[in-house]
């Protein structure tokens, strides 16, 4: 069973892989039956991606849409079976939309692997 330091290290590896735009490395520590609830989508939980290959595909799709995305200044806190990340997401989408959001990610663990990632973004109002 992973301890808090090990869980924080795994999440740090995910963030590093995301900043390198490497979906395979980003999904490496996820279970085969993991779930990603993205910050956007048609449902209250966003869009759900189930299974490691679907999560890897969601990461790949995001990198294709936002090729210069960066997760900066993460604050990471482990509590029991969860790791919380508060950070800044910046970049520019392929359509020209500029990203500059605060994000919150909640990682849930099943023993020594990530079983769920739930993401939230604060998006500025566009008036």
Protein backbone atom coordinates (compact mmCIF):
# COMPACT_ATOMS: atom_id res chain seq x y z
CA UNK A 1 0.00 0.00 0.00
CA UNK A 2 1.40 3.38 -1.01
CA UNK A 3 1.96 6.05 1.63
CA UNK A 4 1.29 9.78 1.24
CA UNK A 5 4.80 10.54 -0.02
CA UNK A 6 4.54 7.81 -2.67
CA UNK A 7 1.14 9.07 -3.80
CA UNK A 8 2.43 12.64 -4.06
CA UNK A 9 5.41 11.37 -6.09
CA UNK A 10 3.06 9.52 -8.47
CA UNK A 11 0.92 12.63 -8.97
CA UNK A 12 4.07 14.71 -9.52
CA UNK A 13 5.06 12.22 -12.24
CA UNK A 14 1.63 12.65 -13.86
CA UNK A 15 2.00 16.44 -13.83
CA UNK A 16 5.53 16.23 -15.28
CA UNK A 17 4.30 13.92 -18.05
CA UNK A 18 1.40 16.27 -18.77
CA UNK A 19 3.83 19.17 -19.14
CA UNK A 20 5.89 17.04 -21.55
CA UNK A 21 2.65 16.19 -23.43
CA UNK A 22 3.29 12.48 -23.01
CA UNK A 23 -0.08 10.70 -22.61
CA UNK A 24 1.49 7.25 -22.12
CA UNK A 25 3.67 8.44 -19.25
CA UNK A 26 0.80 10.51 -17.79
CA UNK A 27 -1.42 7.40 -17.60
CA UNK A 28 1.37 5.03 -16.46
CA UNK A 29 0.34 4.97 -12.77
CA UNK A 30 -3.40 4.58 -13.45
CA UNK A 31 -5.26 1.30 -12.90
CA UNK A 32 -6.61 -0.55 -15.94
CA UNK A 33 -10.16 0.24 -14.72
CA UNK A 34 -9.52 3.89 -13.83
CA UNK A 35 -11.95 6.75 -14.42
CA UNK A 36 -11.30 10.34 -15.51
CA UNK A 37 -14.09 12.86 -14.97
CA UNK A 38 -13.04 15.84 -17.05
CA UNK A 39 -13.84 19.45 -16.26
CA UNK A 40 -16.11 19.80 -19.31
CA UNK A 41 -18.83 17.71 -20.79
CA UNK A 42 -22.56 17.13 -21.13
CA UNK A 43 -23.08 15.74 -17.61
CA UNK A 44 -22.80 17.17 -14.09
CA UNK A 45 -19.57 15.18 -13.66
CA UNK A 46 -18.19 16.47 -16.98
CA UNK A 47 -17.24 13.89 -19.56
CA UNK A 48 -16.30 10.48 -18.18
CA UNK A 49 -13.49 8.38 -19.62
CA UNK A 50 -13.38 4.80 -18.30
CA UNK A 51 -10.33 2.55 -18.55
CA UNK A 52 -6.64 3.30 -18.90
CA UNK A 53 -6.67 3.43 -22.71
CA UNK A 54 -9.61 5.89 -22.68
CA UNK A 55 -7.83 8.11 -20.14
CA UNK A 56 -4.66 8.02 -22.23
CA UNK A 57 -6.75 8.95 -25.28
CA UNK A 58 -8.35 11.86 -23.40
CA UNK A 59 -4.89 13.15 -22.48
CA UNK A 60 -3.75 12.79 -26.11
CA UNK A 61 -6.83 14.63 -27.38
CA UNK A 62 -6.22 17.46 -24.90
CA UNK A 63 -2.60 17.84 -26.05
CA UNK A 64 -3.80 17.98 -29.66
CA UNK A 65 -6.29 20.74 -28.79
CA UNK A 66 -3.87 22.71 -26.57
CA UNK A 67 -0.37 21.96 -27.87
CA UNK A 68 1.41 24.36 -25.51
CA UNK A 69 -0.52 23.58 -22.30
CA UNK A 70 1.40 24.00 -19.06
CA UNK A 71 0.45 23.10 -15.51
CA UNK A 72 2.34 25.54 -13.28
CA UNK A 73 2.87 26.16 -9.58
CA UNK A 74 1.16 23.03 -8.26
CA UNK A 75 0.27 22.84 -4.60
CA UNK A 76 -0.13 19.19 -3.66
CA UNK A 77 -1.79 17.76 -0.56
CA UNK A 78 -2.34 14.11 0.33
CA UNK A 79 -5.25 13.12 2.59
CA UNK A 80 -5.89 9.42 3.15
CA UNK A 81 -6.55 7.80 -0.27
CA UNK A 82 -6.70 11.12 -2.14
CA UNK A 83 -4.23 13.64 -3.46
CA UNK A 84 -5.41 17.17 -4.21
CA UNK A 85 -3.66 19.47 -6.68
CA UNK A 86 -4.25 23.21 -7.01
CA UNK A 87 -2.40 24.73 -9.96
CA UNK A 88 -2.52 27.14 -12.89
CA UNK A 89 -3.25 25.88 -16.42
CA UNK A 90 -2.03 28.06 -19.26
CA UNK A 91 -1.75 27.66 -23.01
CA UNK A 92 -3.49 28.46 -26.27
CA UNK A 93 -5.89 26.13 -28.04
CA UNK A 94 -5.67 25.34 -31.75
CA UNK A 95 -8.68 27.66 -32.21
CA UNK A 96 -6.80 30.53 -30.54
CA UNK A 97 -8.56 30.42 -27.18
CA UNK A 98 -6.15 31.48 -24.45
CA UNK A 99 -6.19 29.35 -21.31
CA UNK A 100 -5.33 30.94 -17.99
CA UNK A 101 -7.28 29.04 -15.36
CA UNK A 102 -6.90 27.89 -11.82
CA UNK A 103 -7.46 24.15 -11.67
CA UNK A 104 -8.18 21.60 -8.98
CA UNK A 105 -7.52 17.92 -9.54
CA UNK A 106 -8.52 15.16 -7.15
CA UNK A 107 -6.65 11.88 -7.53
CA UNK A 108 -8.05 8.78 -5.81
CA UNK A 109 -5.92 5.72 -5.19
CA UNK A 110 -6.52 2.01 -5.08
CA UNK A 111 -3.48 0.69 -3.23
CA UNK A 112 -0.48 1.91 -5.21
CA UNK A 113 -2.18 3.16 -8.39
CA UNK A 114 -4.49 6.01 -9.40
CA UNK A 115 -8.05 4.75 -9.78
CA UNK A 116 -9.85 8.06 -10.42
CA UNK A 117 -9.03 11.60 -11.49
CA UNK A 118 -11.67 14.31 -11.11
CA UNK A 119 -10.80 17.71 -12.61
CA UNK A 120 -12.22 21.19 -12.05
CA UNK A 121 -11.28 24.44 -13.81
CA UNK A 122 -12.19 28.00 -12.88
CA UNK A 123 -12.83 29.76 -16.15
CA UNK A 124 -13.08 33.55 -16.31
CA UNK A 125 -16.43 34.88 -17.50
CA UNK A 126 -16.45 36.15 -21.05
CA UNK A 127 -18.50 39.36 -21.11
